[in-house]
Amino acid sequence: MLYELRIYEILPGMLDVILSRFANHTISIFKRHDIELVGFWQEVVGRNDRIVYITRFADAADRESKWAAFQGDAEWQRVRAETEANGPIVARVINSFLKPSDFSPMS
């Protein structure tokens, strides 16, 4: 099992835009491409310009295949273009690939 931790640093004033995009579009497109969303979080103490989510894949090849399909999805391309018509909404994406340790409750 491969987990991907993704942290999005959001440009000022754009948090509601990206949250709406995830809630109303991105998550359903993930489901269509069998991208399993483990969880989605907003920071409540400290920084308030980041969202964090984790996805799960069988392995790196599974991840690459599903992300490629997602990126090529016509609905995703349309939604992204519409939501970024006035400029980008994400300043930076930080992603890490994780596997459960032998003693993890998830292993």
PDB file of N, CA and C in Angstrom:
ATOM      1  N   MET A   1       0.842  -1.174   0.000  1.00  0.00           N
ATOM      2  CA  MET A   1       0.000   0.000   0.000  1.00  0.00           C
ATOM      3  C   MET A   1       0.892   1.244   0.000  1.00  0.00           C
ATOM      4  N   LEU A   2       0.511   2.223  -0.782  1.00  0.00           N
ATOM      5  CA  LEU A   2       1.233   3.488  -0.868  1.00  0.00           C
ATOM      6  C   LEU A   2       0.265   4.619  -0.536  1.00  0.00           C
ATOM      7  N   TYR A   3       0.666   5.465   0.395  1.00  0.00           N
ATOM      8  CA  TYR A   3      -0.131   6.631   0.766  1.00  0.00           C
ATOM      9  C   TYR A   3       0.565   7.877   0.230  1.00  0.00           C
ATOM     10  N   GLU A   4      -0.229   8.826  -0.229  1.00  0.00           N
ATOM     11  CA  GLU A   4       0.324  10.101  -0.667  1.00  0.00           C
ATOM     12  C   GLU A   4      -0.265  11.207   0.196  1.00  0.00           C
ATOM     13  N   LEU A   5       0.615  11.905   0.882  1.00  0.00           N
ATOM     14  CA  LEU A   5       0.245  13.065   1.682  1.00  0.00           C
ATOM     15  C   LEU A   5       0.431  14.295   0.814  1.00  0.00           C
ATOM     16  N   ARG A   6      -0.620  15.100   0.656  1.00  0.00           N
ATOM     17  CA  ARG A   6      -0.547  16.305  -0.170  1.00  0.00           C
ATOM     18  C   ARG A   6      -0.936  17.512   0.679  1.00  0.00           C
ATOM     19  N   ILE A   7      -0.085  18.512   0.666  1.00  0.00           N
ATOM     20  CA  ILE A   7      -0.331  19.762   1.381  1.00  0.00           C
ATOM     21  C   ILE A   7      -0.384  20.870   0.341  1.00  0.00           C
ATOM     22  N   TYR A   8      -1.485  21.598   0.317  1.00  0.00           N
ATOM     23  CA  TYR A   8      -1.655  22.711  -0.615  1.00  0.00           C
ATOM     24  C   TYR A   8      -1.578  24.009   0.162  1.00  0.00           C
ATOM     25  N   GLU A   9      -0.648  24.849  -0.218  1.00  0.00           N
ATOM     26  CA  GLU A   9      -0.567  26.195   0.340  1.00  0.00           C
ATOM     27  C   GLU A   9      -1.371  27.097  -0.592  1.00  0.00           C
ATOM     28  N   ILE A  10      -2.392  27.725  -0.039  1.00  0.00           N
ATOM     29  CA  ILE A  10      -3.380  28.451  -0.820  1.00  0.00           C
ATOM     30  C   ILE A  10      -3.043  29.938  -0.840  1.00  0.00           C
ATOM     31  N   LEU A  11      -3.226  30.541  -2.006  1.00  0.00           N
ATOM     32  CA  LEU A  11      -2.993  31.982  -2.129  1.00  0.00           C
ATOM     33  C   LEU A  11      -4.029  32.756  -1.320  1.00  0.00           C
ATOM     34  N   PRO A  12      -3.683  33.951  -0.845  1.00  0.00           N
ATOM     35  CA  PRO A  12      -4.610  34.741  -0.023  1.00  0.00           C
ATOM     36  C   PRO A  12      -5.962  34.930  -0.708  1.00  0.00           C
ATOM     37  N   GLY A  13      -7.010  34.742   0.087  1.00  0.00           N
ATOM     38  CA  GLY A  13      -8.363  34.948  -0.394  1.00  0.00           C
ATOM     39  C   GLY A  13      -8.932  33.821  -1.236  1.00  0.00           C
ATOM     40  N   MET A  14      -8.192  32.735  -1.410  1.00  0.00           N
ATOM     41  CA  MET A  14      -8.630  31.667  -2.313  1.00  0.00           C
ATOM     42  C   MET A  14      -9.038  30.367  -1.598  1.00  0.00           C
ATOM     43  N   LEU A  15      -9.017  30.359  -0.271  1.00  0.00           N
ATOM     44  CA  LEU A  15      -9.330  29.129   0.455  1.00  0.00           C
ATOM     45  C   LEU A  15     -10.743  28.641   0.136  1.00  0.00           C
ATOM     46  N   ASP A  16     -11.720  29.522   0.156  1.00  0.00           N
ATOM     47  CA  ASP A  16     -13.094  29.107  -0.148  1.00  0.00           C
ATOM     48  C   ASP A  16     -13.215  28.561  -1.565  1.00  0.00           C
ATOM     49  N   VAL A  17     -12.443  29.117  -2.498  1.00  0.00           N
ATOM     50  CA  VAL A  17     -12.495  28.661  -3.890  1.00  0.00           C
ATOM     51  C   VAL A  17     -12.013  27.217  -3.985  1.00  0.00           C
ATOM     52  N   ILE A  18     -10.884  26.905  -3.353  1.00  0.00           N
ATOM     53  CA  ILE A  18     -10.370  25.537  -3.480  1.00  0.00           C
ATOM     54  C   ILE A  18     -11.210  24.548  -2.684  1.00  0.00           C
ATOM     55  N   LEU A  19     -11.717  24.971  -1.526  1.00  0.00           N
ATOM     56  CA  LEU A  19     -12.583  24.071  -0.760  1.00  0.00           C
ATOM     57  C   LEU A  19     -13.843  23.747  -1.559  1.00  0.00           C
ATOM     58  N   SER A  20     -14.414  24.741  -2.211  1.00  0.00           N
ATOM     59  CA  SER A  20     -15.590  24.518  -3.044  1.00  0.00           C
ATOM     60  C   SER A  20     -15.255  23.603  -4.219  1.00  0.00           C
ATOM     61  N   ARG A  21     -14.086  23.808  -4.820  1.00  0.00           N
ATOM     62  CA  ARG A  21     -13.692  22.969  -5.953  1.00  0.00           C
ATOM     63  C   ARG A  21     -13.561  21.514  -5.524  1.00  0.00           C
ATOM     64  N   PHE A  22     -12.946  21.274  -4.369  1.00  0.00           N
ATOM     65  CA  PHE A  22     -12.841  19.901  -3.888  1.00  0.00           C
ATOM     66  C   PHE A  22     -14.216  19.326  -3.584  1.00  0.00           C
ATOM     67  N   ALA A  23     -15.025  20.063  -2.823  1.00  0.00           N
ATOM     68  CA  ALA A  23     -16.325  19.558  -2.388  1.00  0.00           C
ATOM     69  C   ALA A  23     -17.276  19.301  -3.557  1.00  0.00           C
ATOM     70  N   ASN A  24     -17.275  20.177  -4.522  1.00  0.00           N
ATOM     71  CA  ASN A  24     -18.264  20.112  -5.594  1.00  0.00           C
ATOM     72  C   ASN A  24     -17.794  19.414  -6.867  1.00  0.00           C
ATOM     73  N   HIS A  25     -16.492  19.187  -7.004  1.00  0.00           N
ATOM     74  CA  HIS A  25     -15.990  18.616  -8.259  1.00  0.00           C
ATOM     75  C   HIS A  25     -14.889  17.573  -8.065  1.00  0.00           C
ATOM     76  N   THR A  26     -13.787  17.985  -7.429  1.00  0.00           N
ATOM     77  CA  THR A  26     -12.580  17.151  -7.414  1.00  0.00           C
ATOM     78  C   THR A  26     -12.816  15.785  -6.790  1.00  0.00           C
ATOM     79  N   ILE A  27     -13.512  15.736  -5.659  1.00  0.00           N
ATOM     80  CA  ILE A  27     -13.699  14.446  -4.984  1.00  0.00           C
ATOM     81  C   ILE A  27     -14.513  13.484  -5.846  1.00  0.00           C
ATOM     82  N   SER A  28     -15.522  13.983  -6.549  1.00  0.00           N
ATOM     83  CA  SER A  28     -16.287  13.083  -7.419  1.00  0.00           C
ATOM     84  C   SER A  28     -15.443  12.613  -8.609  1.00  0.00           C
ATOM     85  N   ILE A  29     -14.548  13.462  -9.087  1.00  0.00           N
ATOM     86  CA  ILE A  29     -13.649  13.043 -10.177  1.00  0.00           C
ATOM     87  C   ILE A  29     -12.650  12.014  -9.643  1.00  0.00           C
ATOM     88  N   PHE A  30     -12.151  12.215  -8.421  1.00  0.00           N
ATOM     89  CA  PHE A  30     -11.301  11.198  -7.783  1.00  0.00           C
ATOM     90  C   PHE A  30     -12.032   9.850  -7.792  1.00  0.00           C
ATOM     91  N   LYS A  31     -13.279   9.842  -7.343  1.00  0.00           N
ATOM     92  CA  LYS A  31     -14.043   8.590  -7.264  1.00  0.00           C
ATOM     93  C   LYS A  31     -14.151   7.931  -8.631  1.00  0.00           C
ATOM     94  N   ARG A  32     -14.395   8.724  -9.660  1.00  0.00           N
ATOM     95  CA  ARG A  32     -14.531   8.187 -11.014  1.00  0.00           C
ATOM     96  C   ARG A  32     -13.245   7.482 -11.464  1.00  0.00           C
ATOM     97  N   HIS A  33     -12.103   7.989 -10.986  1.00  0.00           N
ATOM     98  CA  HIS A  33     -10.804   7.403 -11.378  1.00  0.00           C
ATOM     99  C   HIS A  33     -10.239   6.479 -10.297  1.00  0.00           C
ATOM    100  N   ASP A  34     -11.095   6.114  -9.344  1.00  0.00           N
ATOM    101  CA  ASP A  34     -10.741   5.169  -8.284  1.00  0.00           C
ATOM    102  C   ASP A  34      -9.547   5.645  -7.453  1.00  0.00           C
ATOM    103  N   ILE A  35      -9.468   6.961  -7.217  1.00  0.00           N
ATOM    104  CA  ILE A  35      -8.464   7.522  -6.320  1.00  0.00           C
ATOM    105  C   ILE A  35      -9.093   7.554  -4.937  1.00  0.00           C
ATOM    106  N   GLU A  36      -8.561   6.737  -4.043  1.00  0.00           N
ATOM    107  CA  GLU A  36      -9.146   6.595  -2.715  1.00  0.00           C
ATOM    108  C   GLU A  36      -8.679   7.728  -1.803  1.00  0.00           C
ATOM    109  N   LEU A  37      -9.619   8.506  -1.319  1.00  0.00           N
ATOM    110  CA  LEU A  37      -9.331   9.600  -0.394  1.00  0.00           C
ATOM    111  C   LEU A  37      -9.439   9.069   1.028  1.00  0.00           C
ATOM    112  N   VAL A  38      -8.313   9.062   1.751  1.00  0.00           N
ATOM    113  CA  VAL A  38      -8.283   8.571   3.125  1.00  0.00           C
ATOM    114  C   VAL A  38      -8.848   9.621   4.072  1.00  0.00           C
ATOM    115  N   GLY A  39      -8.489  10.878   3.850  1.00  0.00           N
ATOM    116  CA  GLY A  39      -8.975  11.962   4.700  1.00  0.00           C
ATOM    117  C   GLY A  39      -8.575  13.300   4.129  1.00  0.00           C
ATOM    118  N   PHE A  40      -9.275  14.334   4.599  1.00  0.00           N
ATOM    119  CA  PHE A  40      -9.076  15.695   4.113  1.00  0.00           C
ATOM    120  C   PHE A  40      -9.186  16.616   5.322  1.00  0.00           C
ATOM    121  N   TRP A  41      -8.201  17.504   5.489  1.00  0.00           N
ATOM    122  CA  TRP A  41      -8.166  18.345   6.680  1.00  0.00           C
ATOM    123  C   TRP A  41      -7.864  19.800   6.348  1.00  0.00           C
ATOM    124  N   GLN A  42      -8.302  20.666   7.266  1.00  0.00           N
ATOM    125  CA  GLN A  42      -7.916  22.077   7.270  1.00  0.00           C
ATOM    126  C   GLN A  42      -7.226  22.335   8.590  1.00  0.00           C
ATOM    127  N   GLU A  43      -6.175  23.123   8.556  1.00  0.00           N
ATOM    128  CA  GLU A  43      -5.503  23.477   9.798  1.00  0.00           C
ATOM    129  C   GLU A  43      -6.358  24.477  10.562  1.00  0.00           C
ATOM    130  N   VAL A  44      -6.455  24.300  11.880  1.00  0.00           N
ATOM    131  CA  VAL A  44      -7.265  25.199  12.699  1.00  0.00           C
ATOM    132  C   VAL A  44      -6.430  25.979  13.707  1.00  0.00           C
ATOM    133  N   VAL A  45      -5.200  25.571  13.918  1.00  0.00           N
ATOM    134  CA  VAL A  45      -4.278  26.285  14.790  1.00  0.00           C
ATOM    135  C   VAL A  45      -3.007  26.518  13.983  1.00  0.00           C
ATOM    136  N   GLY A  46      -2.468  27.704  14.078  1.00  0.00           N
ATOM    137  CA  GLY A  46      -1.274  28.024  13.295  1.00  0.00           C
ATOM    138  C   GLY A  46      -1.677  28.573  11.951  1.00  0.00           C
ATOM    139  N   ARG A  47      -1.115  28.009  10.910  1.00  0.00           N
ATOM    140  CA  ARG A  47      -1.411  28.483   9.555  1.00  0.00           C
ATOM    141  C   ARG A  47      -2.866  28.202   9.195  1.00  0.00           C
ATOM    142  N   ASN A  48      -3.470  29.115   8.470  1.00  0.00           N
ATOM    143  CA  ASN A  48      -4.835  28.883   8.018  1.00  0.00           C
ATOM    144  C   ASN A  48      -4.932  28.983   6.492  1.00  0.00           C
ATOM    145  N   ASP A  49      -3.794  28.800   5.845  1.00  0.00           N
ATOM    146  CA  ASP A  49      -3.760  28.892   4.380  1.00  0.00           C
ATOM    147  C   ASP A  49      -3.401  27.562   3.736  1.00  0.00           C
ATOM    148  N   ARG A  50      -3.638  26.461   4.470  1.00  0.00           N
ATOM    149  CA  ARG A  50      -3.270  25.155   3.922  1.00  0.00           C
ATOM    150  C   ARG A  50      -4.410  24.166   4.082  1.00  0.00           C
ATOM    151  N   ILE A  51      -4.497  23.275   3.094  1.00  0.00           N
ATOM    152  CA  ILE A  51      -5.346  22.103   3.209  1.00  0.00           C
ATOM    153  C   ILE A  51      -4.438  20.893   3.063  1.00  0.00           C
ATOM    154  N   VAL A  52      -4.855  19.812   3.675  1.00  0.00           N
ATOM    155  CA  VAL A  52      -4.049  18.599   3.707  1.00  0.00           C
ATOM    156  C   VAL A  52      -4.962  17.418   3.393  1.00  0.00           C
ATOM    157  N   TYR A  53      -4.493  16.533   2.515  1.00  0.00           N
ATOM    158  CA  TYR A  53      -5.264  15.314   2.315  1.00  0.00           C
ATOM    159  C   TYR A  53      -4.330  14.153   2.014  1.00  0.00           C
ATOM    160  N   ILE A  54      -4.877  12.957   2.227  1.00  0.00           N
ATOM    161  CA  ILE A  54      -4.120  11.725   1.995  1.00  0.00           C
ATOM    162  C   ILE A  54      -4.935  10.833   1.071  1.00  0.00           C
ATOM    163  N   THR A  55      -4.253  10.295   0.068  1.00  0.00           N
ATOM    164  CA  THR A  55      -4.846   9.311  -0.831  1.00  0.00           C
ATOM    165  C   THR A  55      -4.099   7.991  -0.673  1.00  0.00           C
ATOM    166  N   ARG A  56      -4.751   6.910  -1.087  1.00  0.00           N
ATOM    167  CA  ARG A  56      -4.142   5.579  -0.950  1.00  0.00           C
ATOM    168  C   ARG A  56      -4.189   4.861  -2.294  1.00  0.00           C
ATOM    169  N   PHE A  57      -3.074   4.186  -2.602  1.00  0.00           N
ATOM    170  CA  PHE A  57      -2.936   3.445  -3.855  1.00  0.00           C
ATOM    171  C   PHE A  57      -2.317   2.078  -3.568  1.00  0.00           C
ATOM    172  N   ALA A  58      -2.482   1.161  -4.487  1.00  0.00           N
ATOM    173  CA  ALA A  58      -1.876  -0.160  -4.325  1.00  0.00           C
ATOM    174  C   ALA A  58      -0.358  -0.070  -4.345  1.00  0.00           C
ATOM    175  N   ASP A  59       0.179   0.747  -5.260  1.00  0.00           N
ATOM    176  CA  ASP A  59       1.626   0.904  -5.391  1.00  0.00           C
ATOM    177  C   ASP A  59       1.893   2.131  -6.260  1.00  0.00           C
ATOM    178  N   ALA A  60       3.147   2.406  -6.555  1.00  0.00           N
ATOM    179  CA  ALA A  60       3.516   3.595  -7.330  1.00  0.00           C
ATOM    180  C   ALA A  60       2.938   3.553  -8.746  1.00  0.00           C
ATOM    181  N   ALA A  61       2.920   2.385  -9.363  1.00  0.00           N
ATOM    182  CA  ALA A  61       2.367   2.277 -10.718  1.00  0.00           C
ATOM    183  C   ALA A  61       0.871   2.580 -10.729  1.00  0.00           C
ATOM    184  N   ASP A  62       0.168   2.095  -9.714  1.00  0.00           N
ATOM    185  CA  ASP A  62      -1.262   2.372  -9.573  1.00  0.00           C
ATOM    186  C   ASP A  62      -1.492   3.873  -9.420  1.00  0.00           C
ATOM    187  N   ARG A  63      -0.677   4.512  -8.618  1.00  0.00           N
ATOM    188  CA  ARG A  63      -0.780   5.955  -8.409  1.00  0.00           C
ATOM    189  C   ARG A  63      -0.555   6.716  -9.717  1.00  0.00           C
ATOM    190  N   GLU A  64       0.501   6.365 -10.424  1.00  0.00           N
ATOM    191  CA  GLU A  64       0.822   7.056 -11.676  1.00  0.00           C
ATOM    192  C   GLU A  64      -0.311   6.915 -12.690  1.00  0.00           C
ATOM    193  N   SER A  65      -0.851   5.730 -12.813  1.00  0.00           N
ATOM    194  CA  SER A  65      -1.931   5.471 -13.761  1.00  0.00           C
ATOM    195  C   SER A  65      -3.179   6.285 -13.417  1.00  0.00           C
ATOM    196  N   LYS A  66      -3.552   6.278 -12.157  1.00  0.00           N
ATOM    197  CA  LYS A  66      -4.767   6.984 -11.742  1.00  0.00           C
ATOM    198  C   LYS A  66      -4.601   8.497 -11.811  1.00  0.00           C
ATOM    199  N   TRP A  67      -3.437   9.026 -11.425  1.00  0.00           N
ATOM    200  CA  TRP A  67      -3.217  10.470 -11.525  1.00  0.00           C
ATOM    201  C   TRP A  67      -3.186  10.921 -12.978  1.00  0.00           C
ATOM    202  N   ALA A  68      -2.613  10.109 -13.854  1.00  0.00           N
ATOM    203  CA  ALA A  68      -2.594  10.465 -15.275  1.00  0.00           C
ATOM    204  C   ALA A  68      -4.017  10.536 -15.821  1.00  0.00           C
ATOM    205  N   ALA A  69      -4.843   9.570 -15.445  1.00  0.00           N
ATOM    206  CA  ALA A  69      -6.242   9.579 -15.887  1.00  0.00           C
ATOM    207  C   ALA A  69      -6.965  10.803 -15.325  1.00  0.00           C
ATOM    208  N   PHE A  70      -6.719  11.122 -14.070  1.00  0.00           N
ATOM    209  CA  PHE A  70      -7.341  12.301 -13.452  1.00  0.00           C
ATOM    210  C   PHE A  70      -6.918  13.572 -14.180  1.00  0.00           C
ATOM    211  N   GLN A  71      -5.629  13.744 -14.399  1.00  0.00           N
ATOM    212  CA  GLN A  71      -5.126  14.947 -15.062  1.00  0.00           C
ATOM    213  C   GLN A  71      -5.686  15.097 -16.480  1.00  0.00           C
ATOM    214  N   GLY A  72      -5.936  13.984 -17.148  1.00  0.00           N
ATOM    215  CA  GLY A  72      -6.463  14.021 -18.501  1.00  0.00           C
ATOM    216  C   GLY A  72      -7.979  14.104 -18.582  1.00  0.00           C
ATOM    217  N   ASP A  73      -8.643  14.047 -17.454  1.00  0.00           N
ATOM    218  CA  ASP A  73     -10.108  14.065 -17.411  1.00  0.00           C
ATOM    219  C   ASP A  73     -10.649  15.409 -17.911  1.00  0.00           C
ATOM    220  N   ALA A  74     -11.554  15.370 -18.868  1.00  0.00           N
ATOM    221  CA  ALA A  74     -12.092  16.597 -19.470  1.00  0.00           C
ATOM    222  C   ALA A  74     -12.833  17.455 -18.453  1.00  0.00           C
ATOM    223  N   GLU A  75     -13.581  16.829 -17.545  1.00  0.00           N
ATOM    224  CA  GLU A  75     -14.284  17.613 -16.520  1.00  0.00           C
ATOM    225  C   GLU A  75     -13.285  18.320 -15.614  1.00  0.00           C
ATOM    226  N   TRP A  76     -12.229  17.608 -15.182  1.00  0.00           N
ATOM    227  CA  TRP A  76     -11.216  18.217 -14.330  1.00  0.00           C
ATOM    228  C   TRP A  76     -10.564  19.413 -15.033  1.00  0.00           C
ATOM    229  N   GLN A  77     -10.221  19.243 -16.275  1.00  0.00           N
ATOM    230  CA  GLN A  77      -9.583  20.330 -17.023  1.00  0.00           C
ATOM    231  C   GLN A  77     -10.512  21.541 -17.126  1.00  0.00           C
ATOM    232  N   ARG A  78     -11.801  21.298 -17.344  1.00  0.00           N
ATOM    233  CA  ARG A  78     -12.769  22.394 -17.427  1.00  0.00           C
ATOM    234  C   ARG A  78     -12.920  23.091 -16.080  1.00  0.00           C
ATOM    235  N   VAL A  79     -13.098  22.306 -15.010  1.00  0.00           N
ATOM    236  CA  VAL A  79     -13.272  22.871 -13.667  1.00  0.00           C
ATOM    237  C   VAL A  79     -12.033  23.653 -13.261  1.00  0.00           C
ATOM    238  N   ARG A  80     -10.873  23.104 -13.511  1.00  0.00           N
ATOM    239  CA  ARG A  80      -9.642  23.813 -13.145  1.00  0.00           C
ATOM    240  C   ARG A  80      -9.537  25.134 -13.902  1.00  0.00           C
ATOM    241  N   ALA A  81      -9.818  25.114 -15.189  1.00  0.00           N
ATOM    242  CA  ALA A  81      -9.760  26.347 -15.989  1.00  0.00           C
ATOM    243  C   ALA A  81     -10.758  27.381 -15.471  1.00  0.00           C
ATOM    244  N   GLU A  82     -11.954  26.939 -15.136  1.00  0.00           N
ATOM    245  CA  GLU A  82     -12.968  27.865 -14.628  1.00  0.00           C
ATOM    246  C   GLU A  82     -12.570  28.469 -13.282  1.00  0.00           C
ATOM    247  N   THR A  83     -12.071  27.630 -12.378  1.00  0.00           N
ATOM    248  CA  THR A  83     -11.747  28.120 -11.037  1.00  0.00           C
ATOM    249  C   THR A  83     -10.452  28.925 -11.003  1.00  0.00           C
ATOM    250  N   GLU A  84      -9.642  28.789 -12.043  1.00  0.00           N
ATOM    251  CA  GLU A  84      -8.398  29.550 -12.112  1.00  0.00           C
ATOM    252  C   GLU A  84      -8.441  30.610 -13.209  1.00  0.00           C
ATOM    253  N   ALA A  85      -9.645  30.965 -13.636  1.00  0.00           N
ATOM    254  CA  ALA A  85      -9.793  31.958 -14.708  1.00  0.00           C
ATOM    255  C   ALA A  85      -9.177  33.306 -14.335  1.00  0.00           C
ATOM    256  N   ASN A  86      -9.198  33.645 -13.051  1.00  0.00           N
ATOM    257  CA  ASN A  86      -8.623  34.915 -12.584  1.00  0.00           C
ATOM    258  C   ASN A  86      -7.217  34.749 -12.029  1.00  0.00           C
ATOM    259  N   GLY A  87      -6.627  33.591 -12.247  1.00  0.00           N
ATOM    260  CA  GLY A  87      -5.276  33.320 -11.767  1.00  0.00           C
ATOM    261  C   GLY A  87      -5.244  32.085 -10.894  1.00  0.00           C
ATOM    262  N   PRO A  88      -4.052  31.638 -10.556  1.00  0.00           N
ATOM    263  CA  PRO A  88      -3.910  30.421  -9.748  1.00  0.00           C
ATOM    264  C   PRO A  88      -4.504  30.593  -8.352  1.00  0.00           C
ATOM    265  N   ILE A  89      -4.877  29.479  -7.745  1.00  0.00           N
ATOM    266  CA  ILE A  89      -5.409  29.511  -6.385  1.00  0.00           C
ATOM    267  C   ILE A  89      -4.479  28.797  -5.403  1.00  0.00           C
ATOM    268  N   VAL A  90      -3.560  28.002  -5.929  1.00  0.00           N
ATOM    269  CA  VAL A  90      -2.615  27.261  -5.098  1.00  0.00           C
ATOM    270  C   VAL A  90      -1.218  27.835  -5.309  1.00  0.00           C
ATOM    271  N   ALA A  91      -0.573  28.214  -4.204  1.00  0.00           N
ATOM    272  CA  ALA A  91       0.787  28.745  -4.285  1.00  0.00           C
ATOM    273  C   ALA A  91       1.806  27.626  -4.444  1.00  0.00           C
ATOM    274  N   ARG A  92       1.570  26.516  -3.727  1.00  0.00           N
ATOM    275  CA  ARG A  92       2.548  25.427  -3.743  1.00  0.00           C
ATOM    276  C   ARG A  92       1.885  24.139  -3.288  1.00  0.00           C
ATOM    277  N   VAL A  93       2.293  23.039  -3.893  1.00  0.00           N
ATOM    278  CA  VAL A  93       1.859  21.704  -3.477  1.00  0.00           C
ATOM    279  C   VAL A  93       3.084  20.963  -2.967  1.00  0.00           C
ATOM    280  N   ILE A  94       2.957  20.418  -1.777  1.00  0.00           N
ATOM    281  CA  ILE A  94       4.008  19.585  -1.186  1.00  0.00           C
ATOM    282  C   ILE A  94       3.433  18.182  -1.094  1.00  0.00           C
ATOM    283  N   ASN A  95       4.103  17.216  -1.687  1.00  0.00           N
ATOM    284  CA  ASN A  95       3.596  15.859  -1.549  1.00  0.00           C
ATOM    285  C   ASN A  95       4.702  14.917  -1.108  1.00  0.00           C
ATOM    286  N   SER A  96       4.283  13.945  -0.323  1.00  0.00           N
ATOM    287  CA  SER A  96       5.178  12.922   0.208  1.00  0.00           C
ATOM    288  C   SER A  96       4.527  11.569  -0.003  1.00  0.00           C
ATOM    289  N   PHE A  97       5.360  10.567  -0.237  1.00  0.00           N
ATOM    290  CA  PHE A  97       4.869   9.209  -0.408  1.00  0.00           C
ATOM    291  C   PHE A  97       5.243   8.411   0.832  1.00  0.00           C
ATOM    292  N   LEU A  98       4.253   7.728   1.401  1.00  0.00           N
ATOM    293  CA  LEU A  98       4.412   7.066   2.686  1.00  0.00           C
ATOM    294  C   LEU A  98       3.972   5.613   2.598  1.00  0.00           C
ATOM    295  N   LYS A  99       4.621   4.765   3.369  1.00  0.00           N
ATOM    296  CA  LYS A  99       4.152   3.409   3.531  1.00  0.00           C
ATOM    297  C   LYS A  99       4.043   3.141   5.024  1.00  0.00           C
ATOM    298  N   PRO A 100       3.078   2.345   5.441  1.00  0.00           N
ATOM    299  CA  PRO A 100       2.927   2.068   6.871  1.00  0.00           C
ATOM    300  C   PRO A 100       4.128   1.281   7.417  1.00  0.00           C
ATOM    301  N   SER A 101       4.539   1.637   8.609  1.00  0.00           N
ATOM    302  CA  SER A 101       5.586   0.863   9.263  1.00  0.00           C
ATOM    303  C   SER A 101       4.996  -0.474   9.710  1.00  0.00           C
ATOM    304  N   ASP A 102       5.856  -1.416  10.077  1.00  0.00           N
ATOM    305  CA  ASP A 102       5.396  -2.734  10.483  1.00  0.00           C
ATOM    306  C   ASP A 102       4.477  -2.676  11.701  1.00  0.00           C
ATOM    307  N   PHE A 103       4.626  -1.663  12.539  1.00  0.00           N
ATOM    308  CA  PHE A 103       3.827  -1.570  13.764  1.00  0.00           C
ATOM    309  C   PHE A 103       2.677  -0.578  13.646  1.00  0.00           C
ATOM    310  N   SER A 104       2.450  -0.058  12.468  1.00  0.00           N
ATOM    311  CA  SER A 104       1.346   0.878  12.248  1.00  0.00           C
ATOM    312  C   SER A 104       0.014   0.146  12.317  1.00  0.00           C
ATOM    313  N   PRO A 105      -1.010   0.767  12.904  1.00  0.00           N
ATOM    314  CA  PRO A 105      -2.327   0.132  12.910  1.00  0.00           C
ATOM    315  C   PRO A 105      -2.859  -0.119  11.497  1.00  0.00           C
ATOM    316  N   MET A 106      -2.303   0.591  10.498  1.00  0.00           N
ATOM    317  CA  MET A 106      -2.768   0.428   9.120  1.00  0.00           C
ATOM    318  C   MET A 106      -2.060  -0.692   8.387  1.00  0.00           C
ATOM    319  N   SER A 107      -0.997  -1.271   8.951  1.00  0.00           N
ATOM    320  CA  SER A 107      -0.218  -2.276   8.205  1.00  0.00           C
ATOM    321  C   SER A 107      -0.893  -3.627   8.222  1.00  0.00           C
TER     322      SER A 107
END
